[in-house]
Amino acid sequence: MCGRFTLTAPPDAVAELLALIDLDPFPPRYNIAPTQPILIAIGGEAERPGANRPNRRALLARWGLIPGWVKDVKSFPLLINARAETAAEKNAFRGAMRYRRCLVPASGFYEWRRQGKAKSEPHFLKPADGRPFAFAGLMETFQGPDGGQIDTAAILTTAASGPIAAIHDRTPIVVAEADYARWLDCRDHDPQAVADILSPPDDDFFEIVRVSDRVNKVANTGPDVQAPIEENAEATPVAATPPNGEAQGSLF
């Protein structure tokens, strides 16, 4: 699963990664939580003949996908993750998987290891090469009863492997840069044509660092939440519990 992540790379590095022409400045974010706005990239209209950059757009979306058919938002579970194995068939994700795939830029994510009844241990997973990357995502534009619209998104996950599997049995999917165009091209590539993209990251892609439970609390948004546990040995435990990707309270 993916219940918290970060985007601390500078905007110009993110724009270069995703081949975005226009990207508004944004501050580094060290503890992005469900229901907060997240940056996503979507494919645009058909490519212009002779264009030397992909036609992609950046959007802000609420992290927590709301399918267009939902009537009572407050009673609907918070869908921050979607299982890649079943997304093409599940009613909540089927339309987005076919027509509204997106990329979610990130600099790392957090995962919690549970060992029996012991307290869950948070870990920070960051790319070994230090570069930003992009999760495979899905988006929906939800229209409320008052006519207002909100873009929403979820991150696709799959079964974990390698070192990540020792922490959690699920992992968010990282899309290789070479596959960005194919993943975003919903016009010519249906879910079956991009199924090979939905695999766990290579075993050496992430460096895993044990961090303190300060990250559990949404209010803690500074870089100290990424400090190795040795640097936070005296951190005061917080009451918040690790995120749950299945359903998390009220949507608003």
C-alpha atoms as a PDB file:
ATOM      1  CA  MET A   1       0.000   0.000   0.000  1.00  0.00           C
ATOM      2  CA  CYS A   2       0.984   3.646  -0.037  1.00  0.00           C
ATOM      3  CA  GLY A   3      -0.435   5.786   2.748  1.00  0.00           C
ATOM      4  CA  ARG A   4       2.073   8.640   2.916  1.00  0.00           C
ATOM      5  CA  PHE A   5       4.602   9.911   0.420  1.00  0.00           C
ATOM      6  CA  THR A   6       6.861  12.869  -0.303  1.00  0.00           C
ATOM      7  CA  LEU A   7       7.598  15.273  -3.133  1.00  0.00           C
ATOM      8  CA  THR A   8      10.666  17.282  -2.246  1.00  0.00           C
ATOM      9  CA  ALA A   9      12.322  17.543  -5.660  1.00  0.00           C
ATOM     10  CA  PRO A  10      12.379  21.104  -7.058  1.00  0.00           C
ATOM     11  CA  PRO A  11       9.661  21.977  -9.578  1.00  0.00           C
ATOM     12  CA  ASP A  12      12.095  22.215 -12.481  1.00  0.00           C
ATOM     13  CA  ALA A  13      13.312  18.667 -11.832  1.00  0.00           C
ATOM     14  CA  VAL A  14       9.721  17.397 -11.756  1.00  0.00           C
ATOM     15  CA  ALA A  15       8.876  19.305 -14.937  1.00  0.00           C
ATOM     16  CA  GLU A  16      11.893  17.764 -16.670  1.00  0.00           C
ATOM     17  CA  LEU A  17      11.023  14.271 -15.426  1.00  0.00           C
ATOM     18  CA  LEU A  18       7.450  14.440 -16.697  1.00  0.00           C
ATOM     19  CA  ALA A  19       8.179  16.588 -19.774  1.00  0.00           C
ATOM     20  CA  LEU A  20       5.813  19.313 -18.589  1.00  0.00           C
ATOM     21  CA  ILE A  21       6.084  22.719 -20.244  1.00  0.00           C
ATOM     22  CA  ASP A  22       4.176  24.674 -17.597  1.00  0.00           C
ATOM     23  CA  LEU A  23       4.446  23.793 -13.911  1.00  0.00           C
ATOM     24  CA  ASP A  24       3.702  26.287 -11.170  1.00  0.00           C
ATOM     25  CA  PRO A  25       6.205  26.554  -8.315  1.00  0.00           C
ATOM     26  CA  PHE A  26       5.481  24.464  -5.217  1.00  0.00           C
ATOM     27  CA  PRO A  27       7.201  23.941  -1.854  1.00  0.00           C
ATOM     28  CA  PRO A  28       8.810  20.664  -0.760  1.00  0.00           C
ATOM     29  CA  ARG A  29       6.329  18.323   0.927  1.00  0.00           C
ATOM     30  CA  TYR A  30       7.692  15.775   3.381  1.00  0.00           C
ATOM     31  CA  ASN A  31       4.518  14.098   4.644  1.00  0.00           C
ATOM     32  CA  ILE A  32       1.726  14.017   2.053  1.00  0.00           C
ATOM     33  CA  ALA A  33      -1.394  12.430   3.528  1.00  0.00           C
ATOM     34  CA  PRO A  34      -4.728  11.169   2.174  1.00  0.00           C
ATOM     35  CA  THR A  35      -7.352  13.804   1.225  1.00  0.00           C
ATOM     36  CA  GLN A  36      -4.614  16.383   0.647  1.00  0.00           C
ATOM     37  CA  PRO A  37      -3.989  17.808  -2.844  1.00  0.00           C
ATOM     38  CA  ILE A  38      -1.360  15.967  -4.864  1.00  0.00           C
ATOM     39  CA  LEU A  39       0.321  16.790  -8.152  1.00  0.00           C
ATOM     40  CA  ILE A  40      -0.512  14.507 -11.073  1.00  0.00           C
ATOM     41  CA  ALA A  41       0.318  14.494 -14.780  1.00  0.00           C
ATOM     42  CA  ILE A  42      -2.106  13.395 -17.470  1.00  0.00           C
ATOM     43  CA  GLY A  43      -1.848  12.941 -21.214  1.00  0.00           C
ATOM     44  CA  GLY A  44      -3.252  15.749 -23.346  1.00  0.00           C
ATOM     45  CA  GLU A  45      -4.898  15.703 -26.717  1.00  0.00           C
ATOM     46  CA  ALA A  46      -3.281  14.003 -29.705  1.00  0.00           C
ATOM     47  CA  GLU A  47       0.334  15.013 -30.211  1.00  0.00           C
ATOM     48  CA  ARG A  48       0.939  17.885 -32.597  1.00  0.00           C
ATOM     49  CA  PRO A  49       2.861  16.885 -35.733  1.00  0.00           C
ATOM     50  CA  GLY A  50       6.497  17.842 -35.290  1.00  0.00           C
ATOM     51  CA  ALA A  51       6.156  18.607 -31.582  1.00  0.00           C
ATOM     52  CA  ASN A  52       9.347  17.877 -29.665  1.00  0.00           C
ATOM     53  CA  ARG A  53       7.695  17.435 -26.247  1.00  0.00           C
ATOM     54  CA  PRO A  54       4.773  15.251 -25.144  1.00  0.00           C
ATOM     55  CA  ASN A  55       1.454  17.028 -24.761  1.00  0.00           C
ATOM     56  CA  ARG A  56       1.003  16.553 -21.002  1.00  0.00           C
ATOM     57  CA  ARG A  57      -0.747  18.585 -18.337  1.00  0.00           C
ATOM     58  CA  ALA A  58      -0.169  18.969 -14.631  1.00  0.00           C
ATOM     59  CA  LEU A  59      -3.172  19.002 -12.293  1.00  0.00           C
ATOM     60  CA  LEU A  60      -3.793  19.136  -8.578  1.00  0.00           C
ATOM     61  CA  ALA A  61      -6.040  16.311  -7.435  1.00  0.00           C
ATOM     62  CA  ARG A  62      -7.413  15.238  -4.086  1.00  0.00           C
ATOM     63  CA  TRP A  63      -5.688  12.061  -2.903  1.00  0.00           C
ATOM     64  CA  GLY A  64      -8.618   9.707  -2.585  1.00  0.00           C
ATOM     65  CA  LEU A  65     -10.422   8.678  -5.754  1.00  0.00           C
ATOM     66  CA  ILE A  66     -14.185   9.211  -5.973  1.00  0.00           C
ATOM     67  CA  PRO A  67     -15.887   7.395  -8.887  1.00  0.00           C
ATOM     68  CA  GLY A  68     -18.374   9.470 -10.837  1.00  0.00           C
ATOM     69  CA  TRP A  69     -21.294   7.207  -9.871  1.00  0.00           C
ATOM     70  CA  VAL A  70     -20.969   7.849  -6.133  1.00  0.00           C
ATOM     71  CA  LYS A  71     -24.069   9.451  -4.636  1.00  0.00           C
ATOM     72  CA  ASP A  72     -23.231   9.719  -0.931  1.00  0.00           C
ATOM     73  CA  VAL A  73     -19.600  10.813  -0.687  1.00  0.00           C
ATOM     74  CA  LYS A  74     -19.520  10.868   3.112  1.00  0.00           C
ATOM     75  CA  SER A  75     -20.363   7.172   3.363  1.00  0.00           C
ATOM     76  CA  PHE A  76     -18.007   6.111   0.573  1.00  0.00           C
ATOM     77  CA  PRO A  77     -14.616   4.606   1.612  1.00  0.00           C
ATOM     78  CA  LEU A  78     -11.440   6.568   0.986  1.00  0.00           C
ATOM     79  CA  LEU A  79      -9.741   5.009  -2.049  1.00  0.00           C
ATOM     80  CA  ILE A  80      -6.148   6.188  -1.889  1.00  0.00           C
ATOM     81  CA  ASN A  81      -4.822   2.942  -3.429  1.00  0.00           C
ATOM     82  CA  ALA A  82      -6.062   0.614  -6.157  1.00  0.00           C
ATOM     83  CA  ARG A  83      -4.936  -2.988  -6.562  1.00  0.00           C
ATOM     84  CA  ALA A  84      -3.305  -3.317  -9.969  1.00  0.00           C
ATOM     85  CA  GLU A  85      -4.354  -6.953 -10.226  1.00  0.00           C
ATOM     86  CA  THR A  86      -8.069  -6.085 -10.216  1.00  0.00           C
ATOM     87  CA  ALA A  87      -8.311  -2.387 -11.156  1.00  0.00           C
ATOM     88  CA  ALA A  88      -9.417  -3.112 -14.729  1.00  0.00           C
ATOM     89  CA  GLU A  89     -12.415  -5.093 -13.439  1.00  0.00           C
ATOM     90  CA  LYS A  90     -13.412  -3.296 -10.235  1.00  0.00           C
ATOM     91  CA  ASN A  91     -16.344  -0.942 -10.666  1.00  0.00           C
ATOM     92  CA  ALA A  92     -14.612   1.829  -8.729  1.00  0.00           C
ATOM     93  CA  PHE A  93     -11.516   1.857 -10.938  1.00  0.00           C
ATOM     94  CA  ARG A  94     -12.508   0.292 -14.280  1.00  0.00           C
ATOM     95  CA  GLY A  95     -13.290   3.548 -16.089  1.00  0.00           C
ATOM     96  CA  ALA A  96     -10.193   5.324 -14.815  1.00  0.00           C
ATOM     97  CA  MET A  97      -7.986   2.375 -15.700  1.00  0.00           C
ATOM     98  CA  ARG A  98      -9.229   2.504 -19.268  1.00  0.00           C
ATOM     99  CA  TYR A  99      -9.533   6.233 -19.868  1.00  0.00           C
ATOM    100  CA  ARG A 100      -7.903   8.265 -17.098  1.00  0.00           C
ATOM    101  CA  ARG A 101      -4.489   6.918 -16.147  1.00  0.00           C
ATOM    102  CA  CYS A 102      -2.039   9.408 -14.652  1.00  0.00           C
ATOM    103  CA  LEU A 103       1.434   9.757 -13.174  1.00  0.00           C
ATOM    104  CA  VAL A 104       2.008  10.854  -9.580  1.00  0.00           C
ATOM    105  CA  PRO A 105       5.478  12.389  -9.088  1.00  0.00           C
ATOM    106  CA  ALA A 106       7.212  11.566  -5.814  1.00  0.00           C
ATOM    107  CA  SER A 107      10.547  11.638  -4.035  1.00  0.00           C
ATOM    108  CA  GLY A 108       9.844   8.706  -1.717  1.00  0.00           C
ATOM    109  CA  PHE A 109       7.160   7.074   0.402  1.00  0.00           C
ATOM    110  CA  TYR A 110       6.606   5.689   3.886  1.00  0.00           C
ATOM    111  CA  GLU A 111       5.669   2.186   4.889  1.00  0.00           C
ATOM    112  CA  TRP A 112       4.958   0.578   8.257  1.00  0.00           C
ATOM    113  CA  ARG A 113       6.190  -2.828   9.359  1.00  0.00           C
ATOM    114  CA  ARG A 114       3.863  -4.714  11.665  1.00  0.00           C
ATOM    115  CA  GLN A 115       5.306  -7.497  13.831  1.00  0.00           C
ATOM    116  CA  GLY A 116       2.669  -9.253  15.866  1.00  0.00           C
ATOM    117  CA  LYS A 117       1.309  -7.029  18.609  1.00  0.00           C
ATOM    118  CA  ALA A 118       4.368  -4.809  18.656  1.00  0.00           C
ATOM    119  CA  LYS A 119       4.055  -1.156  17.660  1.00  0.00           C
ATOM    120  CA  SER A 120       4.267  -0.596  13.897  1.00  0.00           C
ATOM    121  CA  GLU A 121       7.657   0.660  12.710  1.00  0.00           C
ATOM    122  CA  PRO A 122       7.684   3.415  10.051  1.00  0.00           C
ATOM    123  CA  HIS A 123      10.236   3.302   7.257  1.00  0.00           C
ATOM    124  CA  PHE A 124      11.114   5.822   4.578  1.00  0.00           C
ATOM    125  CA  LEU A 125      11.781   4.432   1.108  1.00  0.00           C
ATOM    126  CA  LYS A 126      13.712   6.730  -1.208  1.00  0.00           C
ATOM    127  CA  PRO A 127      15.293   6.114  -4.631  1.00  0.00           C
ATOM    128  CA  ALA A 128      18.874   4.953  -4.361  1.00  0.00           C
ATOM    129  CA  ASP A 129      19.872   7.400  -7.117  1.00  0.00           C
ATOM    130  CA  GLY A 130      18.222  10.357  -5.374  1.00  0.00           C
ATOM    131  CA  ARG A 131      16.104  11.313  -8.386  1.00  0.00           C
ATOM    132  CA  PRO A 132      12.343  11.920  -8.385  1.00  0.00           C
ATOM    133  CA  PHE A 133      10.131   9.248  -9.939  1.00  0.00           C
ATOM    134  CA  ALA A 134       6.450   8.674 -10.692  1.00  0.00           C
ATOM    135  CA  PHE A 135       3.856   6.271  -9.323  1.00  0.00           C
ATOM    136  CA  ALA A 136       1.222   4.742 -11.583  1.00  0.00           C
ATOM    137  CA  GLY A 137      -2.022   6.538 -10.793  1.00  0.00           C
ATOM    138  CA  LEU A 138      -5.686   6.747 -11.725  1.00  0.00           C
ATOM    139  CA  MET A 139      -7.856   9.857 -11.733  1.00  0.00           C
ATOM    140  CA  GLU A 140     -11.540  10.733 -11.766  1.00  0.00           C
ATOM    141  CA  THR A 141     -13.285  14.089 -11.884  1.00  0.00           C
ATOM    142  CA  PHE A 142     -16.161  13.930  -9.434  1.00  0.00           C
ATOM    143  CA  GLN A 143     -19.165  16.230  -9.784  1.00  0.00           C
ATOM    144  CA  GLY A 144     -21.017  16.914  -6.573  1.00  0.00           C
ATOM    145  CA  PRO A 145     -24.759  17.477  -6.213  1.00  0.00           C
ATOM    146  CA  ASP A 146     -24.161  21.252  -6.244  1.00  0.00           C
ATOM    147  CA  GLY A 147     -22.480  21.007  -9.645  1.00  0.00           C
ATOM    148  CA  GLY A 148     -18.983  21.595  -8.303  1.00  0.00           C
ATOM    149  CA  GLN A 149     -16.190  19.440  -9.679  1.00  0.00           C
ATOM    150  CA  ILE A 150     -13.091  18.043  -8.020  1.00  0.00           C
ATOM    151  CA  ASP A 151     -10.259  16.034  -9.544  1.00  0.00           C
ATOM    152  CA  THR A 152      -9.419  12.965  -7.449  1.00  0.00           C
ATOM    153  CA  ALA A 153      -6.714  10.308  -7.713  1.00  0.00           C
ATOM    154  CA  ALA A 154      -5.447   6.984  -6.373  1.00  0.00           C
ATOM    155  CA  ILE A 155      -2.076   5.212  -6.547  1.00  0.00           C
ATOM    156  CA  LEU A 156      -1.837   1.698  -7.953  1.00  0.00           C
ATOM    157  CA  THR A 157      -0.182  -1.007  -5.859  1.00  0.00           C
ATOM    158  CA  THR A 158       0.931  -4.577  -6.402  1.00  0.00           C
ATOM    159  CA  ALA A 159       2.442  -7.440  -4.410  1.00  0.00           C
ATOM    160  CA  ALA A 160       5.754  -6.441  -2.871  1.00  0.00           C
ATOM    161  CA  SER A 161       8.979  -8.289  -3.574  1.00  0.00           C
ATOM    162  CA  GLY A 162      12.565  -8.172  -2.384  1.00  0.00           C
ATOM    163  CA  PRO A 163      13.447  -5.920   0.574  1.00  0.00           C
ATOM    164  CA  ILE A 164      10.069  -4.156   0.537  1.00  0.00           C
ATOM    165  CA  ALA A 165       8.275  -7.462   1.153  1.00  0.00           C
ATOM    166  CA  ALA A 166      10.024  -7.681   4.530  1.00  0.00           C
ATOM    167  CA  ILE A 167       8.175  -4.518   5.558  1.00  0.00           C
ATOM    168  CA  HIS A 168       4.785  -4.852   3.848  1.00  0.00           C
ATOM    169  CA  ASP A 169       3.105  -7.228   1.417  1.00  0.00           C
ATOM    170  CA  ARG A 170       2.048  -4.417  -0.944  1.00  0.00           C
ATOM    171  CA  THR A 171       4.039  -1.734  -2.755  1.00  0.00           C
ATOM    172  CA  PRO A 172       3.144   1.240  -4.940  1.00  0.00           C
ATOM    173  CA  ILE A 173       3.991   0.795  -8.623  1.00  0.00           C
ATOM    174  CA  VAL A 174       6.812   2.910 -10.028  1.00  0.00           C
ATOM    175  CA  VAL A 175       6.490   3.604 -13.754  1.00  0.00           C
ATOM    176  CA  ALA A 176       9.777   3.531 -15.681  1.00  0.00           C
ATOM    177  CA  GLU A 177      10.445   6.754 -17.593  1.00  0.00           C
ATOM    178  CA  ALA A 178      10.506   4.811 -20.855  1.00  0.00           C
ATOM    179  CA  ASP A 179       6.891   3.779 -20.177  1.00  0.00           C
ATOM    180  CA  TYR A 180       5.444   7.213 -19.342  1.00  0.00           C
ATOM    181  CA  ALA A 181       4.035   7.853 -22.824  1.00  0.00           C
ATOM    182  CA  ARG A 182       2.458   4.416 -23.098  1.00  0.00           C
ATOM    183  CA  TRP A 183       0.927   4.593 -19.626  1.00  0.00           C
ATOM    184  CA  LEU A 184      -0.636   7.996 -20.277  1.00  0.00           C
ATOM    185  CA  ASP A 185      -1.845   7.134 -23.778  1.00  0.00           C
ATOM    186  CA  CYS A 186      -5.338   5.875 -22.965  1.00  0.00           C
ATOM    187  CA  ARG A 187      -6.455   6.398 -26.539  1.00  0.00           C
ATOM    188  CA  ASP A 188      -4.245   3.723 -28.108  1.00  0.00           C
ATOM    189  CA  HIS A 189      -3.352   1.533 -25.113  1.00  0.00           C
ATOM    190  CA  ASP A 190      -6.063  -0.267 -23.171  1.00  0.00           C
ATOM    191  CA  PRO A 191      -5.402  -1.832 -19.743  1.00  0.00           C
ATOM    192  CA  GLN A 192      -4.192  -5.087 -21.268  1.00  0.00           C
ATOM    193  CA  ALA A 193      -1.617  -3.206 -23.354  1.00  0.00           C
ATOM    194  CA  VAL A 194      -0.061  -1.629 -20.247  1.00  0.00           C
ATOM    195  CA  ALA A 195      -0.371  -4.621 -17.913  1.00  0.00           C
ATOM    196  CA  ASP A 196       3.390  -5.263 -18.110  1.00  0.00           C
ATOM    197  CA  ILE A 197       4.021  -1.872 -16.478  1.00  0.00           C
ATOM    198  CA  LEU A 198       2.216  -2.953 -13.315  1.00  0.00           C
ATOM    199  CA  SER A 199       5.086  -4.722 -11.593  1.00  0.00           C
ATOM    200  CA  PRO A 200       6.973  -4.050  -8.354  1.00  0.00           C
ATOM    201  CA  PRO A 201      10.104  -1.879  -8.496  1.00  0.00           C
ATOM    202  CA  ASP A 202      13.489  -3.532  -8.895  1.00  0.00           C
ATOM    203  CA  ASP A 203      14.937  -4.775  -5.612  1.00  0.00           C
ATOM    204  CA  ASP A 204      17.685  -2.138  -5.654  1.00  0.00           C
ATOM    205  CA  PHE A 205      15.496   0.809  -6.674  1.00  0.00           C
ATOM    206  CA  PHE A 206      14.730   2.008  -3.133  1.00  0.00           C
ATOM    207  CA  GLU A 207      16.940   2.616  -0.148  1.00  0.00           C
ATOM    208  CA  ILE A 208      15.026   1.816   3.049  1.00  0.00           C
ATOM    209  CA  VAL A 209      15.548   3.935   6.170  1.00  0.00           C
ATOM    210  CA  ARG A 210      13.913   3.362   9.572  1.00  0.00           C
ATOM    211  CA  VAL A 211      12.404   6.640  10.813  1.00  0.00           C
ATOM    212  CA  SER A 212      10.584   7.766  13.946  1.00  0.00           C
ATOM    213  CA  ASP A 213       6.840   7.683  14.410  1.00  0.00           C
ATOM    214  CA  ARG A 214       6.677  11.463  13.984  1.00  0.00           C
ATOM    215  CA  VAL A 215       5.565  10.712  10.436  1.00  0.00           C
ATOM    216  CA  ASN A 216       2.372   9.153  11.807  1.00  0.00           C
ATOM    217  CA  LYS A 217       1.028  12.599  12.668  1.00  0.00           C
ATOM    218  CA  VAL A 218      -0.183  14.632   9.685  1.00  0.00           C
ATOM    219  CA  ALA A 219       0.754  17.883  11.428  1.00  0.00           C
ATOM    220  CA  ASN A 220       4.451  16.935  11.267  1.00  0.00           C
ATOM    221  CA  THR A 221       5.443  18.217   7.838  1.00  0.00           C
ATOM    222  CA  GLY A 222       9.124  19.117   8.200  1.00  0.00           C
ATOM    223  CA  PRO A 223      12.184  17.263   6.899  1.00  0.00           C
ATOM    224  CA  ASP A 224      12.814  15.822  10.359  1.00  0.00           C
ATOM    225  CA  VAL A 225      10.191  13.118   9.669  1.00  0.00           C
ATOM    226  CA  GLN A 226      12.737  11.566   7.299  1.00  0.00           C
ATOM    227  CA  ALA A 227      15.624  11.513   9.753  1.00  0.00           C
ATOM    228  CA  PRO A 228      16.955   8.031  10.574  1.00  0.00           C
ATOM    229  CA  ILE A 229      15.634   6.617  13.835  1.00  0.00           C
ATOM    230  CA  GLU A 230      19.018   7.075  15.533  1.00  0.00           C
ATOM    231  CA  GLU A 231      18.611  10.838  15.146  1.00  0.00           C
ATOM    232  CA  ASN A 232      15.122  10.727  16.652  1.00  0.00           C
ATOM    233  CA  ALA A 233      15.742   8.224  19.428  1.00  0.00           C
ATOM    234  CA  GLU A 234      14.121  10.516  21.984  1.00  0.00           C
ATOM    235  CA  ALA A 235      11.141  11.489  19.848  1.00  0.00           C
ATOM    236  CA  THR A 236       7.887  11.396  21.762  1.00  0.00           C
ATOM    237  CA  PRO A 237       5.489   8.754  20.413  1.00  0.00           C
ATOM    238  CA  VAL A 238       2.281  10.142  18.915  1.00  0.00           C
ATOM    239  CA  ALA A 239      -1.188   8.714  19.198  1.00  0.00           C
ATOM    240  CA  ALA A 240      -1.876   8.622  15.464  1.00  0.00           C
ATOM    241  CA  THR A 241      -1.905   5.215  13.811  1.00  0.00           C
ATOM    242  CA  PRO A 242      -0.380   4.249  10.477  1.00  0.00           C
ATOM    243  CA  PRO A 243      -2.525   4.977   7.421  1.00  0.00           C
ATOM    244  CA  ASN A 244      -4.969   2.371   6.169  1.00  0.00           C
ATOM    245  CA  GLY A 245      -5.348   2.305   2.392  1.00  0.00           C
ATOM    246  CA  GLU A 246      -8.669   0.446   2.393  1.00  0.00           C
ATOM    247  CA  ALA A 247     -10.899   3.012   4.084  1.00  0.00           C
ATOM    248  CA  GLN A 248     -10.009   6.048   6.179  1.00  0.00           C
ATOM    249  CA  GLY A 249     -12.811   7.855   7.908  1.00  0.00           C
ATOM    250  CA  SER A 250     -14.629  10.806   6.443  1.00  0.00           C
ATOM    251  CA  LEU A 251     -13.795  11.903   2.919  1.00  0.00           C
ATOM    252  CA  PHE A 252     -13.872  15.600   3.810  1.00  0.00           C
END
